[in-house]
Amino acid sequence: MKHFIVEATYLAPIEVIREAYPRHREWLQKGYDAGLFLCSGPQDPPVGGFLVARAESRDALVAMFAEEPFNLEKLANFKFTEFQAVKRQPWLEEWFSP
């Protein structure tokens, strides 16, 4: 598995973003249930958000985001940055192992 930081940048006012939260969180839950997402949340101030994710490849992750509500509704742009977690807490070993 490869590991990524996904950065969302909102393209709409926060009031519009908040209206989409239920659809967005339902989509996120599928990634958490599949063991692909570690943590996520909005930036402060709320101009976007971050997600720590894993996937077989960048292309596979981008394909997942094709169905993400903020993406479908053109409410956010996404940047996918792959990283290598060479140092981490011992309790995260299983999540970051290949």
PDB file of N, CA and C in Angstrom:
ATOM      1  N   MET A   1       0.840  -1.192   0.000  1.00  0.00           N
ATOM      2  CA  MET A   1       0.000   0.000   0.000  1.00  0.00           C
ATOM      3  C   MET A   1       0.882   1.251   0.000  1.00  0.00           C
ATOM      4  N   LYS A   2       0.390   2.256  -0.671  1.00  0.00           N
ATOM      5  CA  LYS A   2       1.036   3.564  -0.674  1.00  0.00           C
ATOM      6  C   LYS A   2       0.228   4.475   0.251  1.00  0.00           C
ATOM      7  N   HIS A   3       0.895   5.494   0.790  1.00  0.00           N
ATOM      8  CA  HIS A   3       0.258   6.381   1.762  1.00  0.00           C
ATOM      9  C   HIS A   3       0.238   7.805   1.228  1.00  0.00           C
ATOM     10  N   PHE A   4      -0.854   8.526   1.549  1.00  0.00           N
ATOM     11  CA  PHE A   4      -1.093   9.834   0.960  1.00  0.00           C
ATOM     12  C   PHE A   4      -1.671  10.806   1.977  1.00  0.00           C
ATOM     13  N   ILE A   5      -1.328  12.072   1.759  1.00  0.00           N
ATOM     14  CA  ILE A   5      -2.045  13.180   2.369  1.00  0.00           C
ATOM     15  C   ILE A   5      -2.912  13.738   1.250  1.00  0.00           C
ATOM     16  N   VAL A   6      -4.205  13.818   1.505  1.00  0.00           N
ATOM     17  CA  VAL A   6      -5.116  14.407   0.531  1.00  0.00           C
ATOM     18  C   VAL A   6      -5.532  15.760   1.094  1.00  0.00           C
ATOM     19  N   GLU A   7      -5.299  16.811   0.320  1.00  0.00           N
ATOM     20  CA  GLU A   7      -5.684  18.156   0.735  1.00  0.00           C
ATOM     21  C   GLU A   7      -6.835  18.636  -0.129  1.00  0.00           C
ATOM     22  N   ALA A   8      -7.921  19.009   0.517  1.00  0.00           N
ATOM     23  CA  ALA A   8      -9.073  19.581  -0.174  1.00  0.00           C
ATOM     24  C   ALA A   8      -9.026  21.091  -0.027  1.00  0.00           C
ATOM     25  N   THR A   9      -9.334  21.789  -1.093  1.00  0.00           N
ATOM     26  CA  THR A   9      -9.494  23.246  -1.070  1.00  0.00           C
ATOM     27  C   THR A   9     -10.919  23.540  -1.506  1.00  0.00           C
ATOM     28  N   TYR A  10     -11.673  24.196  -0.629  1.00  0.00           N
ATOM     29  CA  TYR A  10     -13.065  24.477  -0.930  1.00  0.00           C
ATOM     30  C   TYR A  10     -13.187  25.517  -2.034  1.00  0.00           C
ATOM     31  N   LEU A  11     -14.170  25.310  -2.902  1.00  0.00           N
ATOM     32  CA  LEU A  11     -14.437  26.217  -4.014  1.00  0.00           C
ATOM     33  C   LEU A  11     -15.760  26.958  -3.836  1.00  0.00           C
ATOM     34  N   ALA A  12     -16.445  26.716  -2.742  1.00  0.00           N
ATOM     35  CA  ALA A  12     -17.750  27.320  -2.472  1.00  0.00           C
ATOM     36  C   ALA A  12     -17.744  27.904  -1.060  1.00  0.00           C
ATOM     37  N   PRO A  13     -18.689  28.785  -0.767  1.00  0.00           N
ATOM     38  CA  PRO A  13     -18.795  29.320   0.598  1.00  0.00           C
ATOM     39  C   PRO A  13     -19.020  28.193   1.606  1.00  0.00           C
ATOM     40  N   ILE A  14     -18.563  28.419   2.814  1.00  0.00           N
ATOM     41  CA  ILE A  14     -18.627  27.386   3.846  1.00  0.00           C
ATOM     42  C   ILE A  14     -20.073  26.946   4.112  1.00  0.00           C
ATOM     43  N   GLU A  15     -21.033  27.824   3.929  1.00  0.00           N
ATOM     44  CA  GLU A  15     -22.433  27.445   4.148  1.00  0.00           C
ATOM     45  C   GLU A  15     -22.856  26.358   3.150  1.00  0.00           C
ATOM     46  N   VAL A  16     -22.392  26.458   1.928  1.00  0.00           N
ATOM     47  CA  VAL A  16     -22.702  25.452   0.906  1.00  0.00           C
ATOM     48  C   VAL A  16     -21.966  24.155   1.224  1.00  0.00           C
ATOM     49  N   ILE A  17     -20.724  24.275   1.662  1.00  0.00           N
ATOM     50  CA  ILE A  17     -19.940  23.102   2.046  1.00  0.00           C
ATOM     51  C   ILE A  17     -20.640  22.360   3.176  1.00  0.00           C
ATOM     52  N   ARG A  18     -21.087  23.085   4.175  1.00  0.00           N
ATOM     53  CA  ARG A  18     -21.748  22.450   5.334  1.00  0.00           C
ATOM     54  C   ARG A  18     -23.005  21.694   4.928  1.00  0.00           C
ATOM     55  N   GLU A  19     -23.725  22.193   3.929  1.00  0.00           N
ATOM     56  CA  GLU A  19     -24.917  21.492   3.451  1.00  0.00           C
ATOM     57  C   GLU A  19     -24.556  20.128   2.853  1.00  0.00           C
ATOM     58  N   ALA A  20     -23.331  20.009   2.333  1.00  0.00           N
ATOM     59  CA  ALA A  20     -22.879  18.757   1.711  1.00  0.00           C
ATOM     60  C   ALA A  20     -22.214  17.820   2.715  1.00  0.00           C
ATOM     61  N   TYR A  21     -22.000  18.262   3.954  1.00  0.00           N
ATOM     62  CA  TYR A  21     -21.329  17.417   4.951  1.00  0.00           C
ATOM     63  C   TYR A  21     -21.933  16.017   5.080  1.00  0.00           C
ATOM     64  N   PRO A  22     -23.252  15.864   5.183  1.00  0.00           N
ATOM     65  CA  PRO A  22     -23.782  14.500   5.355  1.00  0.00           C
ATOM     66  C   PRO A  22     -23.388  13.568   4.206  1.00  0.00           C
ATOM     67  N   ARG A  23     -23.466  14.033   2.974  1.00  0.00           N
ATOM     68  CA  ARG A  23     -23.088  13.199   1.823  1.00  0.00           C
ATOM     69  C   ARG A  23     -21.594  12.907   1.834  1.00  0.00           C
ATOM     70  N   HIS A  24     -20.807  13.910   2.166  1.00  0.00           N
ATOM     71  CA  HIS A  24     -19.346  13.764   2.247  1.00  0.00           C
ATOM     72  C   HIS A  24     -18.970  12.755   3.333  1.00  0.00           C
ATOM     73  N   ARG A  25     -19.585  12.873   4.504  1.00  0.00           N
ATOM     74  CA  ARG A  25     -19.245  11.978   5.623  1.00  0.00           C
ATOM     75  C   ARG A  25     -19.697  10.550   5.369  1.00  0.00           C
ATOM     76  N   GLU A  26     -20.789  10.386   4.661  1.00  0.00           N
ATOM     77  CA  GLU A  26     -21.233   9.036   4.283  1.00  0.00           C
ATOM     78  C   GLU A  26     -20.202   8.398   3.347  1.00  0.00           C
ATOM     79  N   TRP A  27     -19.698   9.175   2.400  1.00  0.00           N
ATOM     80  CA  TRP A  27     -18.653   8.676   1.490  1.00  0.00           C
ATOM     81  C   TRP A  27     -17.380   8.360   2.276  1.00  0.00           C
ATOM     82  N   LEU A  28     -16.978   9.266   3.180  1.00  0.00           N
ATOM     83  CA  LEU A  28     -15.790   9.025   3.999  1.00  0.00           C
ATOM     84  C   LEU A  28     -15.905   7.719   4.780  1.00  0.00           C
ATOM     85  N   GLN A  29     -17.076   7.456   5.343  1.00  0.00           N
ATOM     86  CA  GLN A  29     -17.253   6.274   6.175  1.00  0.00           C
ATOM     87  C   GLN A  29     -16.940   4.997   5.409  1.00  0.00           C
ATOM     88  N   LYS A  30     -17.247   4.980   4.125  1.00  0.00           N
ATOM     89  CA  LYS A  30     -16.924   3.806   3.303  1.00  0.00           C
ATOM     90  C   LYS A  30     -15.413   3.572   3.274  1.00  0.00           C
ATOM     91  N   GLY A  31     -14.631   4.643   3.178  1.00  0.00           N
ATOM     92  CA  GLY A  31     -13.175   4.522   3.199  1.00  0.00           C
ATOM     93  C   GLY A  31     -12.652   4.084   4.553  1.00  0.00           C
ATOM     94  N   TYR A  32     -13.261   4.596   5.622  1.00  0.00           N
ATOM     95  CA  TYR A  32     -12.874   4.155   6.969  1.00  0.00           C
ATOM     96  C   TYR A  32     -13.225   2.678   7.165  1.00  0.00           C
ATOM     97  N   ASP A  33     -14.425   2.291   6.747  1.00  0.00           N
ATOM     98  CA  ASP A  33     -14.855   0.896   6.904  1.00  0.00           C
ATOM     99  C   ASP A  33     -13.952  -0.058   6.126  1.00  0.00           C
ATOM    100  N   ALA A  34     -13.411   0.392   4.991  1.00  0.00           N
ATOM    101  CA  ALA A  34     -12.512  -0.430   4.174  1.00  0.00           C
ATOM    102  C   ALA A  34     -11.077  -0.407   4.696  1.00  0.00           C
ATOM    103  N   GLY A  35     -10.822   0.378   5.758  1.00  0.00           N
ATOM    104  CA  GLY A  35      -9.478   0.462   6.323  1.00  0.00           C
ATOM    105  C   GLY A  35      -8.530   1.314   5.496  1.00  0.00           C
ATOM    106  N   LEU A  36      -9.058   2.167   4.634  1.00  0.00           N
ATOM    107  CA  LEU A  36      -8.214   2.977   3.755  1.00  0.00           C
ATOM    108  C   LEU A  36      -7.941   4.376   4.278  1.00  0.00           C
ATOM    109  N   PHE A  37      -8.728   4.844   5.241  1.00  0.00           N
ATOM    110  CA  PHE A  37      -8.556   6.179   5.785  1.00  0.00           C
ATOM    111  C   PHE A  37      -8.146   6.090   7.246  1.00  0.00           C
ATOM    112  N   LEU A  38      -7.173   6.904   7.634  1.00  0.00           N
ATOM    113  CA  LEU A  38      -6.688   6.918   9.013  1.00  0.00           C
ATOM    114  C   LEU A  38      -7.322   8.054   9.806  1.00  0.00           C
ATOM    115  N   CYS A  39      -7.350   9.255   9.245  1.00  0.00           N
ATOM    116  CA  CYS A  39      -7.951  10.395   9.917  1.00  0.00           C
ATOM    117  C   CYS A  39      -8.270  11.470   8.882  1.00  0.00           C
ATOM    118  N   SER A  40      -9.213  12.341   9.240  1.00  0.00           N
ATOM    119  CA  SER A  40      -9.613  13.409   8.331  1.00  0.00           C
ATOM    120  C   SER A  40     -10.237  14.533   9.136  1.00  0.00           C
ATOM    121  N   GLY A  41     -10.275  15.713   8.526  1.00  0.00           N
ATOM    122  CA  GLY A  41     -10.939  16.839   9.169  1.00  0.00           C
ATOM    123  C   GLY A  41     -10.679  18.137   8.448  1.00  0.00           C
ATOM    124  N   PRO A  42     -11.483  19.155   8.806  1.00  0.00           N
ATOM    125  CA  PRO A  42     -11.348  20.452   8.159  1.00  0.00           C
ATOM    126  C   PRO A  42     -10.157  21.241   8.689  1.00  0.00           C
ATOM    127  N   GLN A  43      -9.705  22.152   7.870  1.00  0.00           N
ATOM    128  CA  GLN A  43      -8.681  23.096   8.296  1.00  0.00           C
ATOM    129  C   GLN A  43      -9.333  24.147   9.193  1.00  0.00           C
ATOM    130  N   ASP A  44      -8.520  24.878   9.923  1.00  0.00           N
ATOM    131  CA  ASP A  44      -8.992  25.976  10.748  1.00  0.00           C
ATOM    132  C   ASP A  44      -8.176  27.207  10.384  1.00  0.00           C
ATOM    133  N   PRO A  45      -8.762  28.177   9.705  1.00  0.00           N
ATOM    134  CA  PRO A  45     -10.163  28.350   9.365  1.00  0.00           C
ATOM    135  C   PRO A  45     -10.603  27.365   8.281  1.00  0.00           C
ATOM    136  N   PRO A  46     -11.922  27.157   8.134  1.00  0.00           N
ATOM    137  CA  PRO A  46     -12.435  26.121   7.234  1.00  0.00           C
ATOM    138  C   PRO A  46     -12.383  26.507   5.749  1.00  0.00           C
ATOM    139  N   VAL A  47     -11.191  26.408   5.187  1.00  0.00           N
ATOM    140  CA  VAL A  47     -10.990  26.706   3.762  1.00  0.00           C
ATOM    141  C   VAL A  47     -10.725  25.432   2.972  1.00  0.00           C
ATOM    142  N   GLY A  48     -10.757  24.308   3.655  1.00  0.00           N
ATOM    143  CA  GLY A  48     -10.478  23.016   3.046  1.00  0.00           C
ATOM    144  C   GLY A  48     -10.313  21.991   4.142  1.00  0.00           C
ATOM    145  N   GLY A  49      -9.692  20.870   3.802  1.00  0.00           N
ATOM    146  CA  GLY A  49      -9.493  19.830   4.792  1.00  0.00           C
ATOM    147  C   GLY A  49      -8.366  18.898   4.403  1.00  0.00           C
ATOM    148  N   PHE A  50      -8.051  17.968   5.308  1.00  0.00           N
ATOM    149  CA  PHE A  50      -6.991  16.993   5.096  1.00  0.00           C
ATOM    150  C   PHE A  50      -7.496  15.592   5.400  1.00  0.00           C
ATOM    151  N   LEU A  51      -6.893  14.620   4.725  1.00  0.00           N
ATOM    152  CA  LEU A  51      -7.205  13.218   4.928  1.00  0.00           C
ATOM    153  C   LEU A  51      -5.905  12.438   4.797  1.00  0.00           C
ATOM    154  N   VAL A  52      -5.655  11.522   5.733  1.00  0.00           N
ATOM    155  CA  VAL A  52      -4.535  10.581   5.606  1.00  0.00           C
ATOM    156  C   VAL A  52      -5.145   9.287   5.103  1.00  0.00           C
ATOM    157  N   ALA A  53      -4.645   8.844   3.938  1.00  0.00           N
ATOM    158  CA  ALA A  53      -5.242   7.696   3.265  1.00  0.00           C
ATOM    159  C   ALA A  53      -4.168   6.733   2.782  1.00  0.00           C
ATOM    160  N   ARG A  54      -4.612   5.527   2.456  1.00  0.00           N
ATOM    161  CA  ARG A  54      -3.739   4.567   1.800  1.00  0.00           C
ATOM    162  C   ARG A  54      -4.514   3.946   0.648  1.00  0.00           C
ATOM    163  N   ALA A  55      -3.752   3.526  -0.359  1.00  0.00           N
ATOM    164  CA  ALA A  55      -4.349   2.912  -1.543  1.00  0.00           C
ATOM    165  C   ALA A  55      -3.262   2.144  -2.271  1.00  0.00           C
ATOM    166  N   GLU A  56      -3.664   1.284  -3.176  1.00  0.00           N
ATOM    167  CA  GLU A  56      -2.700   0.519  -3.971  1.00  0.00           C
ATOM    168  C   GLU A  56      -1.844   1.437  -4.842  1.00  0.00           C
ATOM    169  N   SER A  57      -2.438   2.556  -5.283  1.00  0.00           N
ATOM    170  CA  SER A  57      -1.717   3.497  -6.134  1.00  0.00           C
ATOM    171  C   SER A  57      -2.405   4.856  -6.076  1.00  0.00           C
ATOM    172  N   ARG A  58      -1.703   5.867  -6.562  1.00  0.00           N
ATOM    173  CA  ARG A  58      -2.301   7.202  -6.658  1.00  0.00           C
ATOM    174  C   ARG A  58      -3.522   7.142  -7.563  1.00  0.00           C
ATOM    175  N   ASP A  59      -3.405   6.436  -8.680  1.00  0.00           N
ATOM    176  CA  ASP A  59      -4.524   6.318  -9.617  1.00  0.00           C
ATOM    177  C   ASP A  59      -5.748   5.692  -8.946  1.00  0.00           C
ATOM    178  N   ALA A  60      -5.541   4.688  -8.105  1.00  0.00           N
ATOM    179  CA  ALA A  60      -6.656   4.052  -7.406  1.00  0.00           C
ATOM    180  C   ALA A  60      -7.325   5.032  -6.445  1.00  0.00           C
ATOM    181  N   LEU A  61      -6.524   5.851  -5.765  1.00  0.00           N
ATOM    182  CA  LEU A  61      -7.073   6.837  -4.843  1.00  0.00           C
ATOM    183  C   LEU A  61      -7.837   7.914  -5.607  1.00  0.00           C
ATOM    184  N   VAL A  62      -7.265   8.400  -6.688  1.00  0.00           N
ATOM    185  CA  VAL A  62      -7.940   9.407  -7.504  1.00  0.00           C
ATOM    186  C   VAL A  62      -9.267   8.851  -8.025  1.00  0.00           C
ATOM    187  N   ALA A  63      -9.276   7.594  -8.420  1.00  0.00           N
ATOM    188  CA  ALA A  63     -10.513   6.961  -8.900  1.00  0.00           C
ATOM    189  C   ALA A  63     -11.571   6.919  -7.799  1.00  0.00           C
ATOM    190  N   MET A  64     -11.162   6.649  -6.562  1.00  0.00           N
ATOM    191  CA  MET A  64     -12.109   6.672  -5.440  1.00  0.00           C
ATOM    192  C   MET A  64     -12.742   8.050  -5.307  1.00  0.00           C
ATOM    193  N   PHE A  65     -11.921   9.076  -5.466  1.00  0.00           N
ATOM    194  CA  PHE A  65     -12.388  10.449  -5.293  1.00  0.00           C
ATOM    195  C   PHE A  65     -13.279  10.922  -6.440  1.00  0.00           C
ATOM    196  N   ALA A  66     -13.371  10.154  -7.502  1.00  0.00           N
ATOM    197  CA  ALA A  66     -14.293  10.495  -8.584  1.00  0.00           C
ATOM    198  C   ALA A  66     -15.735  10.458  -8.079  1.00  0.00           C
ATOM    199  N   GLU A  67     -15.977   9.680  -7.003  1.00  0.00           N
ATOM    200  CA  GLU A  67     -17.319   9.549  -6.434  1.00  0.00           C
ATOM    201  C   GLU A  67     -17.518  10.391  -5.173  1.00  0.00           C
ATOM    202  N   GLU A  68     -16.511  11.130  -4.770  1.00  0.00           N
ATOM    203  CA  GLU A  68     -16.591  11.929  -3.553  1.00  0.00           C
ATOM    204  C   GLU A  68     -17.548  13.115  -3.791  1.00  0.00           C
ATOM    205  N   PRO A  69     -18.532  13.351  -2.904  1.00  0.00           N
ATOM    206  CA  PRO A  69     -19.538  14.383  -3.140  1.00  0.00           C
ATOM    207  C   PRO A  69     -18.994  15.797  -3.372  1.00  0.00           C
ATOM    208  N   PHE A  70     -17.991  16.219  -2.605  1.00  0.00           N
ATOM    209  CA  PHE A  70     -17.434  17.558  -2.853  1.00  0.00           C
ATOM    210  C   PHE A  70     -16.875  17.645  -4.269  1.00  0.00           C
ATOM    211  N   ASN A  71     -16.303  16.556  -4.741  1.00  0.00           N
ATOM    212  CA  ASN A  71     -15.761  16.502  -6.098  1.00  0.00           C
ATOM    213  C   ASN A  71     -16.897  16.485  -7.125  1.00  0.00           C
ATOM    214  N   LEU A  72     -17.865  15.600  -6.943  1.00  0.00           N
ATOM    215  CA  LEU A  72     -18.993  15.500  -7.872  1.00  0.00           C
ATOM    216  C   LEU A  72     -19.759  16.814  -8.002  1.00  0.00           C
ATOM    217  N   GLU A  73     -19.905  17.523  -6.886  1.00  0.00           N
ATOM    218  CA  GLU A  73     -20.675  18.762  -6.863  1.00  0.00           C
ATOM    219  C   GLU A  73     -19.799  19.993  -7.121  1.00  0.00           C
ATOM    220  N   LYS A  74     -18.524  19.752  -7.452  1.00  0.00           N
ATOM    221  CA  LYS A  74     -17.569  20.827  -7.749  1.00  0.00           C
ATOM    222  C   LYS A  74     -17.461  21.846  -6.603  1.00  0.00           C
ATOM    223  N   LEU A  75     -17.426  21.302  -5.386  1.00  0.00           N
ATOM    224  CA  LEU A  75     -17.301  22.122  -4.187  1.00  0.00           C
ATOM    225  C   LEU A  75     -15.868  22.213  -3.691  1.00  0.00           C
ATOM    226  N   ALA A  76     -14.983  21.341  -4.199  1.00  0.00           N
ATOM    227  CA  ALA A  76     -13.595  21.328  -3.735  1.00  0.00           C
ATOM    228  C   ALA A  76     -12.686  20.761  -4.818  1.00  0.00           C
ATOM    229  N   ASN A  77     -11.442  21.197  -4.773  1.00  0.00           N
ATOM    230  CA  ASN A  77     -10.355  20.582  -5.545  1.00  0.00           C
ATOM    231  C   ASN A  77      -9.554  19.727  -4.580  1.00  0.00           C
ATOM    232  N   PHE A  78      -8.891  18.693  -5.107  1.00  0.00           N
ATOM    233  CA  PHE A  78      -8.112  17.785  -4.267  1.00  0.00           C
ATOM    234  C   PHE A  78      -6.690  17.662  -4.781  1.00  0.00           C
ATOM    235  N   LYS A  79      -5.753  17.664  -3.837  1.00  0.00           N
ATOM    236  CA  LYS A  79      -4.336  17.442  -4.137  1.00  0.00           C
ATOM    237  C   LYS A  79      -3.926  16.169  -3.408  1.00  0.00           C
ATOM    238  N   PHE A  80      -3.264  15.249  -4.128  1.00  0.00           N
ATOM    239  CA  PHE A  80      -2.855  13.950  -3.584  1.00  0.00           C
ATOM    240  C   PHE A  80      -1.337  13.912  -3.493  1.00  0.00           C
ATOM    241  N   THR A  81      -0.806  13.815  -2.274  1.00  0.00           N
ATOM    242  CA  THR A  81       0.633  13.802  -2.064  1.00  0.00           C
ATOM    243  C   THR A  81       1.028  12.486  -1.405  1.00  0.00           C
ATOM    244  N   GLU A  82       1.826  11.700  -2.109  1.00  0.00           N
ATOM    245  CA  GLU A  82       2.304  10.441  -1.546  1.00  0.00           C
ATOM    246  C   GLU A  82       3.452  10.727  -0.585  1.00  0.00           C
ATOM    247  N   PHE A  83       3.509   9.968   0.508  1.00  0.00           N
ATOM    248  CA  PHE A  83       4.612  10.104   1.463  1.00  0.00           C
ATOM    249  C   PHE A  83       4.966   8.742   2.024  1.00  0.00           C
ATOM    250  N   GLN A  84       6.163   8.663   2.609  1.00  0.00           N
ATOM    251  CA  GLN A  84       6.616   7.447   3.259  1.00  0.00           C
ATOM    252  C   GLN A  84       6.725   7.713   4.750  1.00  0.00           C
ATOM    253  N   ALA A  85       5.963   6.988   5.525  1.00  0.00           N
ATOM    254  CA  ALA A  85       5.944   7.162   6.980  1.00  0.00           C
ATOM    255  C   ALA A  85       7.089   6.356   7.587  1.00  0.00           C
ATOM    256  N   VAL A  86       8.284   6.913   7.544  1.00  0.00           N
ATOM    257  CA  VAL A  86       9.452   6.179   8.038  1.00  0.00           C
ATOM    258  C   VAL A  86       9.537   6.177   9.558  1.00  0.00           C
ATOM    259  N   LYS A  87       8.899   7.118  10.223  1.00  0.00           N
ATOM    260  CA  LYS A  87       8.860   7.178  11.685  1.00  0.00           C
ATOM    261  C   LYS A  87       7.397   7.320  12.084  1.00  0.00           C
ATOM    262  N   ARG A  88       6.954   6.496  13.038  1.00  0.00           N
ATOM    263  CA  ARG A  88       5.551   6.502  13.442  1.00  0.00           C
ATOM    264  C   ARG A  88       5.400   5.849  14.813  1.00  0.00           C
ATOM    265  N   GLN A  89       4.242   6.022  15.404  1.00  0.00           N
ATOM    266  CA  GLN A  89       3.923   5.395  16.672  1.00  0.00           C
ATOM    267  C   GLN A  89       3.816   3.883  16.462  1.00  0.00           C
ATOM    268  N   PRO A  90       4.284   3.096  17.435  1.00  0.00           N
ATOM    269  CA  PRO A  90       4.207   1.637  17.305  1.00  0.00           C
ATOM    270  C   PRO A  90       2.786   1.126  17.050  1.00  0.00           C
ATOM    271  N   TRP A  91       1.770   1.769  17.628  1.00  0.00           N
ATOM    272  CA  TRP A  91       0.398   1.295  17.461  1.00  0.00           C
ATOM    273  C   TRP A  91      -0.120   1.503  16.041  1.00  0.00           C
ATOM    274  N   LEU A  92       0.644   2.207  15.189  1.00  0.00           N
ATOM    275  CA  LEU A  92       0.263   2.409  13.783  1.00  0.00           C
ATOM    276  C   LEU A  92       0.964   1.446  12.831  1.00  0.00           C
ATOM    277  N   GLU A  93       1.804   0.575  13.356  1.00  0.00           N
ATOM    278  CA  GLU A  93       2.582  -0.321  12.503  1.00  0.00           C
ATOM    279  C   GLU A  93       1.706  -1.098  11.529  1.00  0.00           C
ATOM    280  N   GLU A  94       0.635  -1.673  12.006  1.00  0.00           N
ATOM    281  CA  GLU A  94      -0.216  -2.498  11.133  1.00  0.00           C
ATOM    282  C   GLU A  94      -0.801  -1.659   9.990  1.00  0.00           C
ATOM    283  N   TRP A  95      -1.250  -0.437  10.289  1.00  0.00           N
ATOM    284  CA  TRP A  95      -1.865   0.388   9.256  1.00  0.00           C
ATOM    285  C   TRP A  95      -0.856   0.788   8.184  1.00  0.00           C
ATOM    286  N   PHE A  96       0.378   1.050   8.588  1.00  0.00           N
ATOM    287  CA  PHE A  96       1.396   1.495   7.640  1.00  0.00           C
ATOM    288  C   PHE A  96       2.222   0.352   7.041  1.00  0.00           C
ATOM    289  N   SER A  97       2.027  -0.871   7.488  1.00  0.00           N
ATOM    290  CA  SER A  97       2.820  -1.969   6.932  1.00  0.00           C
ATOM    291  C   SER A  97       2.385  -2.263   5.496  1.00  0.00           C
ATOM    292  N   PRO A  98       3.306  -2.788   4.686  1.00  0.00           N
ATOM    293  CA  PRO A  98       2.987  -3.019   3.266  1.00  0.00           C
ATOM    294  C   PRO A  98       1.873  -4.016   3.033  1.00  0.00           C
TER     295      PRO A  98
END
